[in-house]
N, C-alpha and C. Protein backbone atom coordinates (compact mmCIF):
# COMPACT_ATOMS: atom_id res chain seq x y z
N CYS A 1 0.82 -1.20 0.00
CA CYS A 1 0.00 0.00 0.00
C CYS A 1 0.86 1.26 0.00
N SER A 2 2.05 1.20 0.58
CA SER A 2 2.92 2.38 0.57
C SER A 2 3.33 2.74 -0.85
N THR A 3 3.50 1.75 -1.72
CA THR A 3 3.81 2.02 -3.13
C THR A 3 2.65 2.73 -3.79
N LEU A 4 1.44 2.32 -3.47
CA LEU A 4 0.24 2.94 -4.02
C LEU A 4 0.13 4.39 -3.57
N HIS A 5 0.39 4.66 -2.30
CA HIS A 5 0.34 6.04 -1.79
C HIS A 5 1.44 6.90 -2.43
N ALA A 6 2.63 6.34 -2.60
CA ALA A 6 3.74 7.07 -3.22
C ALA A 6 3.41 7.42 -4.66
N ALA A 7 2.82 6.45 -5.40
CA ALA A 7 2.45 6.71 -6.80
C ALA A 7 1.38 7.78 -6.88
N ASP A 8 0.43 7.75 -5.95
CA ASP A 8 -0.64 8.74 -5.92
C ASP A 8 -0.07 10.12 -5.61
N TYR A 9 0.84 10.20 -4.64
CA TYR A 9 1.45 11.46 -4.23
C TYR A 9 2.25 12.08 -5.38
N CYS A 10 2.96 11.26 -6.13
CA CYS A 10 3.80 11.75 -7.23
C CYS A 10 2.99 12.04 -8.50
N GLY A 11 1.73 11.64 -8.50
CA GLY A 11 0.91 11.87 -9.70
C GLY A 11 1.17 10.84 -10.79
N ALA A 12 1.77 9.73 -10.45
CA ALA A 12 2.07 8.69 -11.42
C ALA A 12 0.85 7.79 -11.58
N GLN A 13 -0.13 8.24 -12.34
CA GLN A 13 -1.40 7.55 -12.47
C GLN A 13 -1.23 6.15 -13.06
N ALA A 14 -0.38 5.99 -14.07
CA ALA A 14 -0.18 4.67 -14.68
C ALA A 14 0.39 3.69 -13.66
N CYS A 15 1.32 4.16 -12.86
CA CYS A 15 1.92 3.31 -11.82
C CYS A 15 0.86 2.94 -10.78
N LYS A 16 0.05 3.91 -10.41
CA LYS A 16 -1.00 3.67 -9.43
C LYS A 16 -1.99 2.61 -9.93
N LEU A 17 -2.41 2.73 -11.18
CA LEU A 17 -3.33 1.75 -11.75
C LEU A 17 -2.71 0.36 -11.82
N TRP A 18 -1.43 0.30 -12.15
CA TRP A 18 -0.73 -0.98 -12.21
C TRP A 18 -0.70 -1.63 -10.84
N VAL A 19 -0.36 -0.87 -9.82
CA VAL A 19 -0.30 -1.39 -8.45
C VAL A 19 -1.70 -1.82 -8.00
N GLU A 20 -2.73 -1.03 -8.31
CA GLU A 20 -4.10 -1.40 -7.94
C GLU A 20 -4.48 -2.74 -8.58
N ASN A 21 -4.13 -2.91 -9.85
CA ASN A 21 -4.45 -4.16 -10.54
C ASN A 21 -3.75 -5.35 -9.91
N ILE A 22 -2.50 -5.17 -9.50
CA ILE A 22 -1.76 -6.25 -8.83
C ILE A 22 -2.44 -6.61 -7.51
N ILE A 23 -2.84 -5.60 -6.75
CA ILE A 23 -3.51 -5.83 -5.46
C ILE A 23 -4.84 -6.55 -5.69
N ILE A 24 -5.61 -6.10 -6.67
CA ILE A 24 -6.90 -6.72 -6.98
C ILE A 24 -6.72 -8.18 -7.36
N LYS A 25 -5.80 -8.45 -8.28
CA LYS A 25 -5.61 -9.82 -8.76
C LYS A 25 -5.12 -10.74 -7.64
N ASP A 26 -4.26 -10.21 -6.77
CA ASP A 26 -3.78 -11.01 -5.64
C ASP A 26 -4.95 -11.34 -4.71
N HIS A 27 -5.81 -10.36 -4.46
CA HIS A 27 -6.95 -10.57 -3.56
C HIS A 27 -7.92 -11.60 -4.13
N ILE A 28 -8.31 -11.44 -5.37
CA ILE A 28 -9.33 -12.33 -5.94
C ILE A 28 -8.81 -13.75 -6.16
N SER A 29 -7.51 -13.91 -6.31
CA SER A 29 -6.97 -15.25 -6.52
C SER A 29 -7.11 -16.11 -5.28
N ASN A 30 -7.32 -15.49 -4.11
CA ASN A 30 -7.45 -16.22 -2.85
C ASN A 30 -8.89 -16.45 -2.42
N LEU A 31 -9.85 -15.98 -3.21
CA LEU A 31 -11.26 -16.12 -2.83
C LEU A 31 -11.82 -17.48 -3.23
N GLU A 32 -12.75 -17.97 -2.42
CA GLU A 32 -13.51 -19.17 -2.77
C GLU A 32 -14.46 -18.80 -3.91
N PRO A 33 -14.88 -19.77 -4.74
CA PRO A 33 -15.75 -19.46 -5.88
C PRO A 33 -17.01 -18.67 -5.53
N ASN A 34 -17.72 -19.02 -4.45
CA ASN A 34 -18.94 -18.27 -4.10
C ASN A 34 -18.62 -16.85 -3.65
N GLU A 35 -17.50 -16.66 -2.95
CA GLU A 35 -17.08 -15.31 -2.57
C GLU A 35 -16.73 -14.50 -3.81
N LEU A 36 -16.09 -15.14 -4.76
CA LEU A 36 -15.72 -14.48 -6.01
C LEU A 36 -16.97 -14.09 -6.80
N ARG A 37 -17.98 -14.96 -6.82
CA ARG A 37 -19.24 -14.63 -7.50
C ARG A 37 -19.89 -13.42 -6.86
N ARG A 38 -19.97 -13.39 -5.52
CA ARG A 38 -20.58 -12.24 -4.83
C ARG A 38 -19.79 -10.96 -5.09
N LEU A 39 -18.46 -11.04 -5.07
CA LEU A 39 -17.63 -9.87 -5.33
C LEU A 39 -17.87 -9.36 -6.75
N THR A 40 -17.96 -10.26 -7.72
CA THR A 40 -18.19 -9.88 -9.11
C THR A 40 -19.52 -9.15 -9.25
N GLU A 41 -20.57 -9.70 -8.64
CA GLU A 41 -21.89 -9.07 -8.73
C GLU A 41 -21.91 -7.71 -8.03
N ASN A 42 -21.26 -7.61 -6.85
CA ASN A 42 -21.22 -6.34 -6.12
C ASN A 42 -20.39 -5.30 -6.87
N ALA A 43 -19.28 -5.71 -7.47
CA ALA A 43 -18.44 -4.77 -8.23
C ALA A 43 -19.21 -4.23 -9.43
N ARG A 44 -20.00 -5.08 -10.08
CA ARG A 44 -20.82 -4.62 -11.21
C ARG A 44 -21.87 -3.63 -10.73
N ALA A 45 -22.53 -3.95 -9.63
CA ALA A 45 -23.59 -3.08 -9.10
C ALA A 45 -23.04 -1.72 -8.67
N CYS A 46 -21.80 -1.69 -8.17
CA CYS A 46 -21.18 -0.44 -7.70
C CYS A 46 -20.39 0.28 -8.79
N HIS A 47 -20.38 -0.26 -9.99
CA HIS A 47 -19.63 0.31 -11.12
C HIS A 47 -18.14 0.41 -10.81
N ALA A 48 -17.62 -0.57 -10.10
CA ALA A 48 -16.18 -0.64 -9.81
C ALA A 48 -15.52 -1.40 -10.96
N ASP A 49 -15.32 -0.70 -12.08
CA ASP A 49 -14.93 -1.36 -13.32
C ASP A 49 -13.64 -2.17 -13.25
N PRO A 50 -12.53 -1.66 -12.71
CA PRO A 50 -11.32 -2.49 -12.67
C PRO A 50 -11.51 -3.76 -11.83
N LEU A 51 -12.20 -3.63 -10.71
CA LEU A 51 -12.47 -4.78 -9.86
C LEU A 51 -13.42 -5.75 -10.56
N TYR A 52 -14.46 -5.23 -11.19
CA TYR A 52 -15.42 -6.08 -11.90
C TYR A 52 -14.74 -6.84 -13.03
N GLU A 53 -13.93 -6.17 -13.81
CA GLU A 53 -13.26 -6.82 -14.94
C GLU A 53 -12.35 -7.95 -14.45
N ALA A 54 -11.54 -7.69 -13.44
CA ALA A 54 -10.62 -8.71 -12.92
C ALA A 54 -11.39 -9.86 -12.27
N ALA A 55 -12.40 -9.54 -11.48
CA ALA A 55 -13.16 -10.58 -10.78
C ALA A 55 -13.96 -11.44 -11.76
N SER A 56 -14.57 -10.81 -12.76
CA SER A 56 -15.35 -11.59 -13.72
C SER A 56 -14.46 -12.48 -14.57
N GLU A 57 -13.28 -12.02 -14.90
CA GLU A 57 -12.33 -12.85 -15.65
C GLU A 57 -11.92 -14.07 -14.83
N GLU A 58 -11.63 -13.85 -13.56
CA GLU A 58 -11.25 -14.96 -12.67
C GLU A 58 -12.42 -15.91 -12.47
N LEU A 59 -13.62 -15.38 -12.33
CA LEU A 59 -14.81 -16.20 -12.16
C LEU A 59 -15.04 -17.08 -13.39
N ALA A 60 -14.88 -16.50 -14.57
CA ALA A 60 -15.06 -17.27 -15.80
C ALA A 60 -14.03 -18.39 -15.92
N LYS A 61 -12.84 -18.18 -15.39
CA LYS A 61 -11.77 -19.18 -15.48
C LYS A 61 -12.00 -20.37 -14.55
N ARG A 62 -12.47 -20.11 -13.34
CA ARG A 62 -12.40 -21.20 -12.36
C ARG A 62 -13.67 -21.52 -11.58
N ALA A 63 -14.74 -20.85 -11.85
CA ALA A 63 -15.96 -21.13 -11.08
C ALA A 63 -16.63 -22.41 -11.57
N PRO A 64 -17.01 -23.29 -10.65
CA PRO A 64 -17.74 -24.49 -11.06
C PRO A 64 -19.15 -24.12 -11.50
N VAL A 65 -19.77 -25.04 -12.21
CA VAL A 65 -21.10 -24.79 -12.79
C VAL A 65 -22.12 -24.42 -11.72
N ASP A 66 -22.07 -25.06 -10.54
CA ASP A 66 -23.07 -24.76 -9.52
C ASP A 66 -22.94 -23.32 -9.01
N VAL A 67 -21.74 -22.77 -9.00
CA VAL A 67 -21.56 -21.37 -8.60
C VAL A 67 -22.07 -20.45 -9.70
N LEU A 68 -21.78 -20.77 -10.94
CA LEU A 68 -22.27 -19.95 -12.05
C LEU A 68 -23.79 -19.98 -12.13
N ALA A 69 -24.40 -21.08 -11.74
CA ALA A 69 -25.86 -21.19 -11.78
C ALA A 69 -26.52 -20.19 -10.84
N GLU A 70 -25.81 -19.75 -9.79
CA GLU A 70 -26.36 -18.78 -8.84
C GLU A 70 -26.07 -17.34 -9.24
N THR A 71 -25.33 -17.14 -10.31
CA THR A 71 -24.95 -15.81 -10.76
C THR A 71 -26.13 -15.13 -11.45
N GLY A 72 -26.31 -13.83 -11.23
CA GLY A 72 -27.38 -13.08 -11.88
C GLY A 72 -27.25 -13.12 -13.39
N SER A 73 -28.38 -13.04 -14.09
CA SER A 73 -28.38 -13.23 -15.55
C SER A 73 -27.56 -12.18 -16.29
N ARG A 74 -27.58 -10.93 -15.85
CA ARG A 74 -26.81 -9.89 -16.54
C ARG A 74 -25.31 -10.12 -16.40
N VAL A 75 -24.88 -10.46 -15.18
CA VAL A 75 -23.46 -10.74 -14.96
C VAL A 75 -23.05 -11.97 -15.75
N LEU A 76 -23.89 -13.01 -15.75
CA LEU A 76 -23.56 -14.22 -16.48
C LEU A 76 -23.48 -13.96 -17.97
N ALA A 77 -24.39 -13.16 -18.50
CA ALA A 77 -24.34 -12.83 -19.93
C ALA A 77 -23.06 -12.07 -20.26
N GLU A 78 -22.66 -11.13 -19.40
CA GLU A 78 -21.42 -10.38 -19.64
C GLU A 78 -20.20 -11.28 -19.51
N LEU A 79 -20.23 -12.21 -18.56
CA LEU A 79 -19.13 -13.17 -18.43
C LEU A 79 -18.93 -13.94 -19.71
N MET A 80 -20.04 -14.45 -20.23
CA MET A 80 -19.96 -15.24 -21.45
C MET A 80 -19.46 -14.40 -22.61
N ASP A 81 -19.96 -13.19 -22.70
CA ASP A 81 -19.59 -12.32 -23.82
C ASP A 81 -18.13 -11.88 -23.76
N ARG A 82 -17.63 -11.56 -22.56
CA ARG A 82 -16.27 -11.04 -22.42
C ARG A 82 -15.19 -12.11 -22.34
N HIS A 83 -15.51 -13.24 -21.71
CA HIS A 83 -14.44 -14.15 -21.33
C HIS A 83 -14.52 -15.54 -21.95
N VAL A 84 -15.55 -15.82 -22.73
CA VAL A 84 -15.63 -17.11 -23.41
C VAL A 84 -15.32 -16.86 -24.88
N GLU A 85 -14.26 -17.49 -25.34
CA GLU A 85 -13.84 -17.27 -26.73
C GLU A 85 -14.90 -17.76 -27.70
N LYS A 86 -14.98 -17.08 -28.82
CA LYS A 86 -15.95 -17.45 -29.84
C LYS A 86 -15.44 -18.65 -30.65
N ARG A 87 -16.37 -19.46 -31.11
CA ARG A 87 -16.06 -20.67 -31.84
C ARG A 87 -15.55 -20.33 -33.24
N GLN A 88 -14.52 -21.04 -33.68
CA GLN A 88 -14.02 -20.88 -35.04
C GLN A 88 -13.93 -22.26 -35.68
N ARG A 89 -14.44 -22.38 -36.86
CA ARG A 89 -14.44 -23.64 -37.59
C ARG A 89 -14.04 -23.36 -39.02
N ARG A 90 -13.77 -24.45 -39.78
CA ARG A 90 -13.45 -24.30 -41.19
C ARG A 90 -14.61 -23.59 -41.90
N THR A 91 -15.83 -24.00 -41.63
CA THR A 91 -17.02 -23.28 -42.07
C THR A 91 -17.40 -22.35 -40.93
N GLN A 92 -17.25 -21.07 -41.13
CA GLN A 92 -17.52 -20.12 -40.04
C GLN A 92 -19.00 -20.06 -39.75
N GLU A 93 -19.36 -20.39 -38.53
CA GLU A 93 -20.74 -20.31 -38.11
C GLU A 93 -20.98 -19.03 -37.34
N LEU A 94 -22.15 -18.47 -37.53
CA LEU A 94 -22.59 -17.31 -36.76
C LEU A 94 -23.84 -17.70 -36.00
N ALA A 95 -23.86 -17.37 -34.73
CA ALA A 95 -25.04 -17.65 -33.91
C ALA A 95 -25.78 -16.35 -33.65
N PHE A 96 -27.07 -16.35 -33.92
CA PHE A 96 -27.94 -15.21 -33.67
C PHE A 96 -29.02 -15.65 -32.70
N VAL A 97 -29.52 -14.69 -31.94
CA VAL A 97 -30.61 -14.99 -31.02
C VAL A 97 -31.77 -14.04 -31.30
N THR A 98 -32.94 -14.47 -30.88
CA THR A 98 -34.13 -13.65 -31.11
C THR A 98 -34.81 -13.33 -29.78
N VAL A 99 -35.69 -12.34 -29.82
CA VAL A 99 -36.40 -11.95 -28.60
C VAL A 99 -37.43 -12.99 -28.19
N ASN A 100 -37.78 -13.90 -29.08
CA ASN A 100 -38.74 -14.94 -28.72
C ASN A 100 -38.07 -16.27 -28.37
N GLY A 101 -36.75 -16.24 -28.10
CA GLY A 101 -36.06 -17.42 -27.58
C GLY A 101 -35.50 -18.38 -28.60
N LYS A 102 -35.40 -17.96 -29.84
CA LYS A 102 -34.83 -18.85 -30.86
C LYS A 102 -33.32 -18.62 -30.99
N LEU A 103 -32.59 -19.70 -31.23
CA LEU A 103 -31.16 -19.66 -31.52
C LEU A 103 -31.00 -20.05 -32.98
N LEU A 104 -30.43 -19.15 -33.76
CA LEU A 104 -30.26 -19.36 -35.20
C LEU A 104 -28.78 -19.50 -35.52
N ILE A 105 -28.40 -20.56 -36.21
CA ILE A 105 -27.02 -20.79 -36.61
C ILE A 105 -26.94 -20.67 -38.13
N TYR A 106 -26.05 -19.78 -38.60
CA TYR A 106 -25.88 -19.54 -40.02
C TYR A 106 -24.45 -19.84 -40.46
N ASP A 107 -24.30 -20.24 -41.72
CA ASP A 107 -22.99 -20.37 -42.36
C ASP A 107 -22.70 -19.00 -42.96
N SER A 108 -21.66 -18.32 -42.45
CA SER A 108 -21.39 -16.96 -42.90
C SER A 108 -20.89 -16.90 -44.34
N ALA A 109 -20.32 -17.97 -44.84
CA ALA A 109 -19.82 -17.97 -46.22
C ALA A 109 -20.96 -18.00 -47.23
N THR A 110 -22.01 -18.75 -46.93
CA THR A 110 -23.11 -18.90 -47.88
C THR A 110 -24.37 -18.16 -47.45
N GLY A 111 -24.45 -17.81 -46.18
CA GLY A 111 -25.65 -17.17 -45.66
C GLY A 111 -26.78 -18.14 -45.38
N SER A 112 -26.51 -19.43 -45.54
CA SER A 112 -27.57 -20.41 -45.33
C SER A 112 -27.78 -20.70 -43.85
N ASN A 113 -29.03 -20.96 -43.51
CA ASN A 113 -29.39 -21.29 -42.14
C ASN A 113 -29.04 -22.75 -41.90
N LEU A 114 -28.15 -23.02 -40.94
CA LEU A 114 -27.75 -24.38 -40.63
C LEU A 114 -28.69 -25.03 -39.61
N GLN A 115 -29.21 -24.22 -38.68
CA GLN A 115 -30.06 -24.76 -37.62
C GLN A 115 -30.87 -23.65 -36.99
N THR A 116 -32.11 -23.95 -36.62
CA THR A 116 -32.95 -23.06 -35.84
C THR A 116 -33.45 -23.85 -34.65
N LEU A 117 -33.18 -23.35 -33.46
CA LEU A 117 -33.57 -24.04 -32.23
C LEU A 117 -34.54 -23.19 -31.43
N ASP A 118 -35.57 -23.81 -30.88
CA ASP A 118 -36.41 -23.15 -29.88
C ASP A 118 -35.67 -23.32 -28.56
N ALA A 119 -34.73 -22.40 -28.31
CA ALA A 119 -33.77 -22.56 -27.22
C ALA A 119 -34.32 -22.18 -25.85
N HIS A 120 -35.14 -21.14 -25.79
CA HIS A 120 -35.63 -20.62 -24.51
C HIS A 120 -37.07 -20.16 -24.65
N GLY A 121 -37.72 -19.95 -23.52
CA GLY A 121 -39.09 -19.49 -23.50
C GLY A 121 -39.23 -17.98 -23.45
N ASP A 122 -38.09 -17.26 -23.46
CA ASP A 122 -38.11 -15.80 -23.37
C ASP A 122 -36.90 -15.26 -24.13
N CYS A 123 -36.74 -13.97 -24.11
CA CYS A 123 -35.65 -13.29 -24.81
C CYS A 123 -34.28 -13.85 -24.39
N ILE A 124 -33.42 -14.14 -25.37
CA ILE A 124 -32.05 -14.59 -25.09
C ILE A 124 -31.16 -13.36 -25.02
N ASN A 125 -30.40 -13.22 -23.92
CA ASN A 125 -29.53 -12.06 -23.71
C ASN A 125 -28.16 -12.22 -24.35
N CYS A 126 -27.68 -13.44 -24.41
CA CYS A 126 -26.31 -13.65 -24.83
C CYS A 126 -26.13 -15.05 -25.39
N VAL A 127 -25.21 -15.16 -26.34
CA VAL A 127 -24.81 -16.46 -26.88
C VAL A 127 -23.30 -16.42 -27.04
N ALA A 128 -22.65 -17.54 -26.72
CA ALA A 128 -21.19 -17.62 -26.84
C ALA A 128 -20.79 -19.06 -27.08
N TYR A 129 -19.65 -19.23 -27.76
CA TYR A 129 -19.08 -20.55 -27.98
C TYR A 129 -18.01 -20.81 -26.93
N SER A 130 -17.84 -22.07 -26.54
CA SER A 130 -16.81 -22.44 -25.57
C SER A 130 -15.43 -22.32 -26.21
N PHE A 131 -14.40 -22.26 -25.34
CA PHE A 131 -13.03 -22.10 -25.83
C PHE A 131 -12.61 -23.24 -26.74
N ASP A 132 -13.13 -24.45 -26.55
CA ASP A 132 -12.74 -25.58 -27.39
C ASP A 132 -13.71 -25.83 -28.54
N ASN A 133 -14.62 -24.90 -28.74
CA ASN A 133 -15.57 -24.92 -29.86
C ASN A 133 -16.56 -26.07 -29.83
N SER A 134 -16.72 -26.71 -28.70
CA SER A 134 -17.60 -27.88 -28.64
C SER A 134 -18.99 -27.54 -28.08
N THR A 135 -19.12 -26.39 -27.45
CA THR A 135 -20.37 -26.06 -26.76
C THR A 135 -20.80 -24.63 -27.07
N ILE A 136 -22.10 -24.45 -27.19
CA ILE A 136 -22.70 -23.12 -27.32
C ILE A 136 -23.47 -22.87 -26.03
N ALA A 137 -23.30 -21.69 -25.45
CA ALA A 137 -24.02 -21.33 -24.23
C ALA A 137 -24.97 -20.19 -24.54
N THR A 138 -26.18 -20.28 -24.01
CA THR A 138 -27.16 -19.21 -24.15
C THR A 138 -27.70 -18.84 -22.77
N ALA A 139 -27.95 -17.54 -22.56
CA ALA A 139 -28.53 -17.05 -21.31
C ALA A 139 -29.78 -16.25 -21.65
N SER A 140 -30.83 -16.48 -20.88
CA SER A 140 -32.12 -15.91 -21.24
C SER A 140 -32.83 -15.25 -20.06
N ASP A 141 -33.81 -14.40 -20.39
CA ASP A 141 -34.67 -13.80 -19.39
C ASP A 141 -35.59 -14.82 -18.73
N ASP A 142 -35.64 -16.05 -19.24
CA ASP A 142 -36.44 -17.08 -18.61
C ASP A 142 -35.73 -17.71 -17.40
N CYS A 143 -34.64 -17.04 -16.97
CA CYS A 143 -33.86 -17.46 -15.79
C CYS A 143 -33.16 -18.79 -15.98
N THR A 144 -32.77 -19.09 -17.22
CA THR A 144 -31.99 -20.29 -17.48
C THR A 144 -30.78 -19.96 -18.34
N VAL A 145 -29.78 -20.80 -18.16
CA VAL A 145 -28.62 -20.83 -19.05
C VAL A 145 -28.63 -22.23 -19.63
N ARG A 146 -28.47 -22.33 -20.93
CA ARG A 146 -28.46 -23.65 -21.57
C ARG A 146 -27.15 -23.84 -22.31
N LEU A 147 -26.64 -25.07 -22.20
CA LEU A 147 -25.43 -25.46 -22.91
C LEU A 147 -25.83 -26.44 -24.00
N TRP A 148 -25.33 -26.16 -25.23
CA TRP A 148 -25.71 -26.93 -26.41
C TRP A 148 -24.48 -27.58 -27.03
N ASN A 149 -24.62 -28.80 -27.53
CA ASN A 149 -23.56 -29.44 -28.29
C ASN A 149 -23.46 -28.69 -29.61
N ALA A 150 -22.27 -28.18 -29.94
CA ALA A 150 -22.11 -27.35 -31.13
C ALA A 150 -22.13 -28.14 -32.43
N ASP A 151 -22.01 -29.46 -32.34
CA ASP A 151 -22.07 -30.28 -33.56
C ASP A 151 -23.46 -30.83 -33.82
N THR A 152 -24.13 -31.29 -32.76
CA THR A 152 -25.46 -31.89 -32.92
C THR A 152 -26.59 -30.92 -32.57
N TYR A 153 -26.25 -29.83 -31.87
CA TYR A 153 -27.20 -28.82 -31.40
C TYR A 153 -28.18 -29.39 -30.36
N ALA A 154 -27.81 -30.48 -29.71
CA ALA A 154 -28.62 -31.04 -28.63
C ALA A 154 -28.35 -30.27 -27.35
N CYS A 155 -29.38 -30.07 -26.54
CA CYS A 155 -29.22 -29.40 -25.25
C CYS A 155 -28.52 -30.35 -24.28
N LEU A 156 -27.38 -29.91 -23.74
CA LEU A 156 -26.60 -30.74 -22.82
C LEU A 156 -26.99 -30.52 -21.37
N HIS A 157 -27.21 -29.26 -20.99
CA HIS A 157 -27.53 -28.91 -19.61
C HIS A 157 -28.41 -27.66 -19.59
N THR A 158 -29.28 -27.61 -18.60
CA THR A 158 -30.06 -26.41 -18.34
C THR A 158 -29.80 -26.01 -16.90
N LEU A 159 -29.34 -24.78 -16.70
CA LEU A 159 -29.04 -24.26 -15.37
C LEU A 159 -30.07 -23.18 -15.02
N GLN A 160 -30.69 -23.29 -13.86
CA GLN A 160 -31.64 -22.29 -13.36
C GLN A 160 -30.85 -21.22 -12.59
N HIS A 161 -31.22 -19.96 -12.72
CA HIS A 161 -30.61 -18.89 -11.95
C HIS A 161 -31.65 -17.83 -11.63
N ASP A 162 -31.30 -16.95 -10.70
CA ASP A 162 -32.23 -15.89 -10.29
C ASP A 162 -32.08 -14.69 -11.18
């Protein structure tokens, strides 16, 4: 903390931000998954952007499914959007969602519709592909997150959340 105060006193804003980030990352690396989830949600609610960004990244990396199931839908949608890499294949697929809960998969090279799924009972907030390109995740206002097999488009899991 003395380094942080010295950087602040000298007006070295870049140094101060760097030290803050180190302190934040050190703190969140020691939290249990449920504590990390609560911190992520509170940081988002308080608009503590550096803390929210670091905590949500850590949560996306190591939180088990049962902890993510308790995460609020807006935070979960942002987690998926920011920290889950998009799927890349030889045939580039694009996933679109609709306000009536449909998941549409298109081939971007031809524009043809590859699949249309009745994925949710309400508006879908977010769609993302897993880092290994095997799973598609969708989060909806119907208080569910669904995981889909990216090859067969079968629903693998449905997670309830508040």
